[in-house]
C-alpha cells in the first residue's frame, strides 16, 4: 500500500502539469476572450464557470442578430444568451479542447482550413475540419 502512494502522487503531478500547460498554451486567446467578456459584463452581462470554461452572455438577447450562437476564445465562451450557451455547450467545449491542443495557432489554422475548404468548393464553416470535429464531439456528449 505504501508503495502505491508515490505513484499516485506522480500521476497527480503529471496531470496537474498537463492541465497547467494546456491553460498557458491557450492563454493568448483566453486573454482576448476575457477582454471581450469584460465588455459584455460591463454592459450587464452574466458570467458562469462551467466545465472548465467561462461562459458569458448578455442578460437579454442582442437587438441585432449575431452571426453565431456562441464563439469560443481560449477558455472563454461568449454567447448570445444563456439559453444558446446551454444549447451549444458540448460543441463549444470541443473548441476549448482544440485551443488547448493548438494554442495560439488555432485561429490561423482555423482560417487556413476555411480558406482551403472554400477553394476546393466546400462551405468554409460547415466543412471546416475544426467545426466537423466540434459537431461530432457534441453529438457524443
N, C-alpha and C. Protein backbone atom coordinates (compact mmCIF):
# COMPACT_ATOMS: atom_id res chain seq x y z
N UNK A 1 0.81 -1.20 0.00
CA UNK A 1 0.00 0.00 0.00
C UNK A 1 0.85 1.26 0.00
N UNK A 2 1.90 1.29 0.77
CA UNK A 2 2.73 2.48 0.87
C UNK A 2 3.43 2.77 -0.46
N UNK A 3 3.80 1.73 -1.19
CA UNK A 3 4.49 1.91 -2.46
C UNK A 3 3.59 2.55 -3.51
N UNK A 4 2.28 2.43 -3.37
CA UNK A 4 1.36 2.99 -4.35
C UNK A 4 1.21 4.50 -4.22
N UNK A 5 1.42 5.04 -3.05
CA UNK A 5 1.23 6.48 -2.84
C UNK A 5 2.15 7.33 -3.71
N UNK A 6 3.46 7.05 -3.78
CA UNK A 6 4.30 7.87 -4.64
C UNK A 6 3.88 7.81 -6.10
N UNK A 7 3.42 6.64 -6.56
CA UNK A 7 2.97 6.51 -7.94
C UNK A 7 1.73 7.37 -8.17
N UNK A 8 0.82 7.36 -7.22
CA UNK A 8 -0.39 8.17 -7.31
C UNK A 8 -0.04 9.66 -7.32
N UNK A 9 0.91 10.04 -6.50
CA UNK A 9 1.34 11.44 -6.46
C UNK A 9 1.99 11.86 -7.77
N UNK A 10 2.79 10.96 -8.36
CA UNK A 10 3.42 11.27 -9.65
C UNK A 10 2.37 11.44 -10.73
N UNK A 11 1.36 10.58 -10.70
CA UNK A 11 0.29 10.71 -11.69
C UNK A 11 -0.48 12.01 -11.50
N UNK A 12 -0.76 12.37 -10.27
CA UNK A 12 -1.44 13.62 -9.98
C UNK A 12 -0.58 14.81 -10.42
N UNK A 13 0.70 14.76 -10.12
CA UNK A 13 1.60 15.84 -10.53
C UNK A 13 1.66 15.95 -12.05
N UNK A 14 1.71 14.82 -12.74
CA UNK A 14 1.74 14.85 -14.20
C UNK A 14 0.44 15.42 -14.76
N UNK A 15 -0.68 15.04 -14.16
CA UNK A 15 -1.97 15.56 -14.60
C UNK A 15 -2.04 17.08 -14.40
N UNK A 16 -1.64 17.53 -13.23
CA UNK A 16 -1.68 18.98 -12.94
C UNK A 16 -0.74 19.75 -13.85
N UNK A 17 0.42 19.19 -14.14
CA UNK A 17 1.36 19.85 -15.05
C UNK A 17 0.77 19.94 -16.46
N UNK A 18 0.11 18.88 -16.90
CA UNK A 18 -0.51 18.89 -18.23
C UNK A 18 -1.63 19.91 -18.29
N UNK A 19 -2.45 20.01 -17.23
CA UNK A 19 -3.54 21.00 -17.21
C UNK A 19 -2.97 22.42 -17.21
N UNK A 20 -1.91 22.65 -16.43
CA UNK A 20 -1.30 23.98 -16.39
C UNK A 20 -0.76 24.35 -17.76
N UNK A 21 -0.12 23.38 -18.43
CA UNK A 21 0.40 23.66 -19.77
C UNK A 21 -0.74 23.98 -20.73
N UNK A 22 -1.83 23.22 -20.67
CA UNK A 22 -2.97 23.47 -21.55
C UNK A 22 -3.54 24.86 -21.33
N UNK A 23 -3.66 25.26 -20.07
CA UNK A 23 -4.17 26.61 -19.77
C UNK A 23 -3.24 27.69 -20.30
N UNK A 24 -1.95 27.51 -20.11
CA UNK A 24 -0.99 28.50 -20.60
C UNK A 24 -0.92 28.53 -22.11
N UNK A 25 -1.01 27.37 -22.74
CA UNK A 25 -0.92 27.26 -24.20
C UNK A 25 -2.10 27.99 -24.86
N UNK A 26 -3.27 27.92 -24.23
CA UNK A 26 -4.45 28.60 -24.76
C UNK A 26 -4.57 30.04 -24.29
N UNK A 27 -3.68 30.47 -23.38
CA UNK A 27 -3.81 31.77 -22.72
C UNK A 27 -3.88 32.97 -23.65
N UNK A 28 -3.12 33.04 -24.75
CA UNK A 28 -3.24 34.26 -25.59
C UNK A 28 -4.68 34.51 -26.06
N UNK A 29 -5.39 33.46 -26.45
CA UNK A 29 -6.76 33.65 -26.90
C UNK A 29 -7.71 33.79 -25.72
N UNK A 30 -7.38 33.18 -24.59
CA UNK A 30 -8.20 33.35 -23.39
C UNK A 30 -8.19 34.81 -22.95
N UNK A 31 -7.03 35.45 -23.02
CA UNK A 31 -6.93 36.87 -22.64
C UNK A 31 -7.81 37.72 -23.56
N UNK A 32 -7.80 37.42 -24.84
CA UNK A 32 -8.67 38.13 -25.79
C UNK A 32 -10.14 37.91 -25.41
N UNK A 33 -10.49 36.67 -25.10
CA UNK A 33 -11.85 36.36 -24.69
C UNK A 33 -12.24 37.08 -23.41
N UNK A 34 -11.29 37.17 -22.47
CA UNK A 34 -11.57 37.86 -21.21
C UNK A 34 -11.82 39.36 -21.44
N UNK A 35 -11.10 39.95 -22.38
CA UNK A 35 -11.32 41.37 -22.68
C UNK A 35 -12.72 41.59 -23.24
N UNK A 36 -13.14 40.72 -24.15
CA UNK A 36 -14.49 40.83 -24.70
C UNK A 36 -15.54 40.51 -23.64
N UNK A 37 -15.24 39.54 -22.79
CA UNK A 37 -16.16 39.20 -21.70
C UNK A 37 -16.32 40.38 -20.74
N UNK A 38 -15.24 41.08 -20.46
CA UNK A 38 -15.31 42.25 -19.58
C UNK A 38 -16.24 43.30 -20.16
N UNK A 39 -16.18 43.49 -21.48
CA UNK A 39 -17.07 44.46 -22.13
C UNK A 39 -18.53 44.02 -21.98
N UNK A 40 -18.79 42.73 -22.19
CA UNK A 40 -20.16 42.23 -22.02
C UNK A 40 -20.63 42.38 -20.58
N UNK A 41 -19.75 42.08 -19.64
CA UNK A 41 -20.12 42.20 -18.22
C UNK A 41 -20.38 43.65 -17.85
N UNK A 42 -19.60 44.57 -18.40
CA UNK A 42 -19.80 46.00 -18.13
C UNK A 42 -21.16 46.47 -18.64
N UNK A 43 -21.67 45.79 -19.66
CA UNK A 43 -22.98 46.13 -20.21
C UNK A 43 -24.11 45.35 -19.55
N UNK A 44 -23.80 44.69 -18.43
CA UNK A 44 -24.83 43.98 -17.68
C UNK A 44 -24.91 42.50 -17.95
N UNK A 45 -23.92 41.94 -18.62
CA UNK A 45 -23.93 40.51 -18.88
C UNK A 45 -23.68 39.68 -17.63
N UNK A 46 -23.82 38.39 -17.79
CA UNK A 46 -23.59 37.46 -16.67
C UNK A 46 -22.56 36.43 -17.07
N UNK A 47 -21.78 36.01 -16.08
CA UNK A 47 -20.72 35.04 -16.32
C UNK A 47 -20.90 33.85 -15.40
N UNK A 48 -20.57 32.68 -15.92
CA UNK A 48 -20.59 31.44 -15.12
C UNK A 48 -19.41 30.58 -15.53
N UNK A 49 -18.81 29.92 -14.55
CA UNK A 49 -17.71 28.99 -14.82
C UNK A 49 -18.34 27.60 -14.90
N UNK A 50 -18.31 27.00 -16.09
CA UNK A 50 -18.94 25.70 -16.28
C UNK A 50 -17.99 24.80 -17.08
N UNK A 51 -17.73 23.62 -16.55
CA UNK A 51 -16.94 22.60 -17.25
C UNK A 51 -15.61 23.14 -17.78
N UNK A 52 -14.91 23.93 -16.99
CA UNK A 52 -13.58 24.38 -17.38
C UNK A 52 -13.54 25.56 -18.31
N UNK A 53 -14.65 26.26 -18.48
CA UNK A 53 -14.66 27.45 -19.33
C UNK A 53 -15.55 28.52 -18.70
N UNK A 54 -15.19 29.77 -18.95
CA UNK A 54 -16.00 30.90 -18.50
C UNK A 54 -17.02 31.19 -19.58
N UNK A 55 -18.29 31.08 -19.26
CA UNK A 55 -19.36 31.38 -20.21
C UNK A 55 -19.94 32.75 -19.86
N UNK A 56 -20.03 33.61 -20.87
CA UNK A 56 -20.53 34.97 -20.67
C UNK A 56 -21.59 35.26 -21.72
N UNK A 57 -22.69 35.85 -21.26
CA UNK A 57 -23.77 36.21 -22.18
C UNK A 57 -24.46 37.45 -21.65
N UNK A 58 -25.03 38.26 -22.55
CA UNK A 58 -25.84 39.38 -22.09
C UNK A 58 -27.10 38.86 -21.39
N UNK A 59 -27.68 39.68 -20.55
CA UNK A 59 -28.91 39.26 -19.84
C UNK A 59 -30.05 39.04 -20.83
N UNK A 60 -30.12 39.87 -21.83
CA UNK A 60 -31.14 39.75 -22.86
C UNK A 60 -30.46 39.54 -24.21
N UNK A 61 -31.10 38.82 -25.11
CA UNK A 61 -30.51 38.65 -26.44
C UNK A 61 -30.28 40.00 -27.11
N UNK A 62 -29.23 40.13 -27.91
CA UNK A 62 -28.97 41.42 -28.58
C UNK A 62 -30.08 41.79 -29.55
N UNK A 63 -30.23 43.08 -29.79
CA UNK A 63 -31.28 43.55 -30.72
C UNK A 63 -30.99 43.07 -32.14
N UNK A 64 -29.74 43.16 -32.53
CA UNK A 64 -29.34 42.66 -33.84
C UNK A 64 -28.81 41.25 -33.69
N UNK A 65 -29.17 40.41 -34.61
CA UNK A 65 -28.74 39.01 -34.54
C UNK A 65 -27.23 38.91 -34.76
N UNK A 66 -26.58 38.10 -33.94
CA UNK A 66 -25.16 37.80 -34.14
C UNK A 66 -25.08 36.70 -35.19
N UNK A 67 -23.97 36.61 -35.90
CA UNK A 67 -23.87 35.55 -36.92
C UNK A 67 -23.58 34.17 -36.32
N UNK A 68 -23.64 34.04 -35.02
CA UNK A 68 -23.37 32.77 -34.34
C UNK A 68 -24.13 32.75 -33.02
N UNK A 69 -24.32 31.55 -32.50
CA UNK A 69 -24.97 31.42 -31.18
C UNK A 69 -23.94 31.64 -30.08
N UNK A 70 -22.69 31.23 -30.34
CA UNK A 70 -21.62 31.40 -29.37
C UNK A 70 -20.29 31.34 -30.11
N UNK A 71 -19.27 31.90 -29.49
CA UNK A 71 -17.91 31.85 -30.04
C UNK A 71 -16.96 31.58 -28.87
N UNK A 72 -15.97 30.74 -29.14
CA UNK A 72 -15.01 30.37 -28.10
C UNK A 72 -13.68 31.02 -28.39
N UNK A 73 -13.10 31.63 -27.37
CA UNK A 73 -11.76 32.20 -27.44
C UNK A 73 -10.98 31.67 -26.24
N UNK A 74 -10.17 30.66 -26.47
CA UNK A 74 -9.44 30.02 -25.38
C UNK A 74 -10.41 29.33 -24.44
N UNK A 75 -10.38 29.74 -23.18
CA UNK A 75 -11.26 29.16 -22.17
C UNK A 75 -12.44 30.08 -21.87
N UNK A 76 -12.78 30.94 -22.81
CA UNK A 76 -13.92 31.86 -22.66
C UNK A 76 -14.90 31.59 -23.80
N UNK A 77 -16.17 31.42 -23.45
CA UNK A 77 -17.23 31.22 -24.44
C UNK A 77 -18.19 32.39 -24.32
N UNK A 78 -18.35 33.14 -25.40
CA UNK A 78 -19.27 34.27 -25.45
C UNK A 78 -20.51 33.82 -26.21
N UNK A 79 -21.67 33.99 -25.60
CA UNK A 79 -22.91 33.56 -26.25
C UNK A 79 -23.90 34.67 -26.37
N UNK A 80 -24.89 34.46 -27.24
CA UNK A 80 -25.91 35.49 -27.44
C UNK A 80 -26.86 35.57 -26.25
N UNK A 81 -27.06 34.44 -25.56
CA UNK A 81 -27.88 34.42 -24.35
C UNK A 81 -27.62 33.11 -23.62
N UNK A 82 -28.05 33.01 -22.36
CA UNK A 82 -27.79 31.79 -21.59
C UNK A 82 -28.40 30.53 -22.21
N UNK A 83 -29.54 30.67 -22.86
CA UNK A 83 -30.19 29.51 -23.48
C UNK A 83 -29.33 28.98 -24.63
N UNK A 84 -28.81 29.89 -25.44
CA UNK A 84 -27.94 29.48 -26.55
C UNK A 84 -26.67 28.82 -26.02
N UNK A 85 -26.11 29.37 -24.95
CA UNK A 85 -24.91 28.76 -24.36
C UNK A 85 -25.18 27.33 -23.91
N UNK A 86 -26.31 27.10 -23.30
CA UNK A 86 -26.65 25.75 -22.86
C UNK A 86 -26.82 24.82 -24.05
N UNK A 87 -27.42 25.33 -25.11
CA UNK A 87 -27.69 24.51 -26.30
C UNK A 87 -26.40 24.08 -27.01
N UNK A 88 -25.39 24.96 -27.05
CA UNK A 88 -24.17 24.66 -27.81
C UNK A 88 -22.99 24.32 -26.91
N UNK A 89 -23.24 24.05 -25.65
CA UNK A 89 -22.17 23.82 -24.68
C UNK A 89 -21.21 22.70 -25.11
N UNK A 90 -21.73 21.58 -25.53
CA UNK A 90 -20.88 20.46 -25.95
C UNK A 90 -20.00 20.83 -27.14
N UNK A 91 -20.58 21.49 -28.12
CA UNK A 91 -19.85 21.94 -29.30
C UNK A 91 -18.72 22.90 -28.91
N UNK A 92 -19.03 23.86 -28.07
CA UNK A 92 -18.03 24.85 -27.68
C UNK A 92 -16.94 24.24 -26.81
N UNK A 93 -17.27 23.21 -26.02
CA UNK A 93 -16.23 22.57 -25.20
C UNK A 93 -15.21 21.86 -26.09
N UNK A 94 -15.65 21.35 -27.23
CA UNK A 94 -14.69 20.76 -28.17
C UNK A 94 -13.74 21.85 -28.66
N UNK A 95 -14.25 23.04 -28.92
CA UNK A 95 -13.38 24.15 -29.33
C UNK A 95 -12.40 24.52 -28.21
N UNK A 96 -12.83 24.47 -26.95
CA UNK A 96 -11.92 24.74 -25.84
C UNK A 96 -10.76 23.73 -25.89
N UNK A 97 -11.09 22.45 -26.10
CA UNK A 97 -10.03 21.42 -26.18
C UNK A 97 -9.13 21.66 -27.38
N UNK A 98 -9.69 22.17 -28.48
CA UNK A 98 -8.86 22.50 -29.65
C UNK A 98 -7.88 23.62 -29.31
N UNK A 99 -8.32 24.61 -28.57
CA UNK A 99 -7.40 25.67 -28.12
C UNK A 99 -6.31 25.08 -27.25
N UNK A 100 -6.66 24.14 -26.41
CA UNK A 100 -5.65 23.51 -25.55
C UNK A 100 -4.65 22.71 -26.38
N UNK A 101 -5.09 22.15 -27.49
CA UNK A 101 -4.22 21.35 -28.35
C UNK A 101 -3.35 22.23 -29.25
N UNK A 102 -3.95 23.25 -29.87
CA UNK A 102 -3.23 24.05 -30.87
C UNK A 102 -2.76 25.41 -30.35
N UNK A 103 -3.23 25.81 -29.19
CA UNK A 103 -2.78 27.04 -28.57
C UNK A 103 -2.98 28.27 -29.43
N UNK A 104 -1.97 29.13 -29.49
CA UNK A 104 -2.11 30.38 -30.23
C UNK A 104 -2.24 30.17 -31.74
N UNK A 105 -2.01 28.96 -32.21
CA UNK A 105 -2.09 28.68 -33.65
C UNK A 105 -3.48 28.29 -34.11
N UNK A 106 -4.42 28.10 -33.18
CA UNK A 106 -5.74 27.61 -33.59
C UNK A 106 -6.44 28.55 -34.55
N UNK A 107 -6.50 29.82 -34.25
CA UNK A 107 -7.25 30.75 -35.12
C UNK A 107 -6.62 30.82 -36.51
N UNK A 108 -5.29 30.98 -36.65
CA UNK A 108 -4.73 30.95 -38.00
C UNK A 108 -4.99 29.62 -38.73
N UNK A 109 -4.88 28.50 -38.01
CA UNK A 109 -5.14 27.20 -38.62
C UNK A 109 -6.61 27.08 -39.03
N UNK A 110 -7.51 27.58 -38.19
CA UNK A 110 -8.94 27.56 -38.50
C UNK A 110 -9.21 28.36 -39.77
N UNK A 111 -8.64 29.55 -39.86
CA UNK A 111 -8.85 30.39 -41.04
C UNK A 111 -8.26 29.77 -42.29
N UNK A 112 -7.08 29.18 -42.17
CA UNK A 112 -6.47 28.48 -43.31
C UNK A 112 -7.32 27.29 -43.74
N UNK A 113 -7.85 26.54 -42.78
CA UNK A 113 -8.71 25.41 -43.10
C UNK A 113 -9.97 25.88 -43.82
N UNK A 114 -10.55 26.99 -43.36
CA UNK A 114 -11.75 27.53 -44.02
C UNK A 114 -11.43 27.95 -45.45
N UNK A 115 -10.29 28.61 -45.64
CA UNK A 115 -9.89 29.04 -46.98
C UNK A 115 -9.67 27.83 -47.89
N UNK A 116 -9.00 26.82 -47.37
CA UNK A 116 -8.72 25.62 -48.16
C UNK A 116 -10.02 24.92 -48.57
N UNK A 117 -10.94 24.80 -47.65
CA UNK A 117 -12.23 24.17 -47.93
C UNK A 117 -12.98 24.98 -48.98
N UNK A 118 -12.97 26.30 -48.85
CA UNK A 118 -13.68 27.18 -49.78
C UNK A 118 -13.08 27.08 -51.18
N UNK A 119 -11.74 27.08 -51.27
CA UNK A 119 -11.07 26.97 -52.58
C UNK A 119 -11.44 25.65 -53.26
N UNK A 120 -11.63 24.62 -52.47
CA UNK A 120 -11.97 23.30 -53.01
C UNK A 120 -13.47 23.12 -53.23
N UNK A 121 -14.25 24.20 -53.04
CA UNK A 121 -15.68 24.16 -53.35
C UNK A 121 -16.58 23.84 -52.17
N UNK A 122 -16.03 23.75 -50.98
CA UNK A 122 -16.84 23.45 -49.80
C UNK A 122 -17.31 24.72 -49.10
N UNK A 123 -18.07 24.52 -48.06
CA UNK A 123 -18.54 25.64 -47.25
C UNK A 123 -17.50 25.92 -46.16
N UNK A 124 -17.03 27.18 -46.06
CA UNK A 124 -15.92 27.48 -45.13
C UNK A 124 -16.24 27.24 -43.66
N UNK A 125 -17.52 27.23 -43.29
CA UNK A 125 -17.87 26.94 -41.89
C UNK A 125 -18.27 25.47 -41.71
N UNK A 126 -19.28 25.07 -42.45
CA UNK A 126 -19.81 23.71 -42.27
C UNK A 126 -18.77 22.62 -42.54
N UNK A 127 -17.92 22.83 -43.55
CA UNK A 127 -16.96 21.80 -43.94
C UNK A 127 -15.59 21.98 -43.29
N UNK A 128 -15.42 23.00 -42.47
CA UNK A 128 -14.15 23.21 -41.78
C UNK A 128 -13.89 22.02 -40.86
N UNK A 129 -12.70 21.42 -40.92
CA UNK A 129 -12.43 20.25 -40.08
C UNK A 129 -12.56 20.52 -38.57
N UNK A 130 -12.27 21.74 -38.13
CA UNK A 130 -12.42 22.07 -36.72
C UNK A 130 -13.90 22.05 -36.32
N UNK A 131 -14.75 22.57 -37.19
CA UNK A 131 -16.20 22.57 -36.91
C UNK A 131 -16.77 21.16 -37.00
N UNK A 132 -16.29 20.38 -37.95
CA UNK A 132 -16.76 19.00 -38.07
C UNK A 132 -16.41 18.21 -36.81
N UNK A 133 -15.19 18.41 -36.29
CA UNK A 133 -14.80 17.74 -35.05
C UNK A 133 -15.70 18.20 -33.90
N UNK A 134 -16.00 19.49 -33.85
CA UNK A 134 -16.85 20.01 -32.77
C UNK A 134 -18.27 19.44 -32.87
N UNK A 135 -18.79 19.33 -34.07
CA UNK A 135 -20.13 18.73 -34.22
C UNK A 135 -20.13 17.27 -33.80
N UNK A 136 -19.09 16.54 -34.21
CA UNK A 136 -19.02 15.12 -33.83
C UNK A 136 -18.84 14.97 -32.32
N UNK A 137 -18.01 15.82 -31.73
CA UNK A 137 -17.79 15.76 -30.28
C UNK A 137 -19.03 16.11 -29.51
N UNK A 138 -19.78 17.09 -30.00
CA UNK A 138 -21.02 17.49 -29.32
C UNK A 138 -22.06 16.39 -29.43
N UNK A 139 -22.08 15.69 -30.55
CA UNK A 139 -23.04 14.61 -30.74
C UNK A 139 -22.75 13.45 -29.77
N UNK A 140 -21.47 13.33 -29.38
CA UNK A 140 -21.10 12.27 -28.46
C UNK A 140 -21.33 12.60 -27.00
N UNK A 141 -21.71 13.85 -26.71
CA UNK A 141 -21.93 14.26 -25.30
C UNK A 141 -23.21 13.71 -24.76
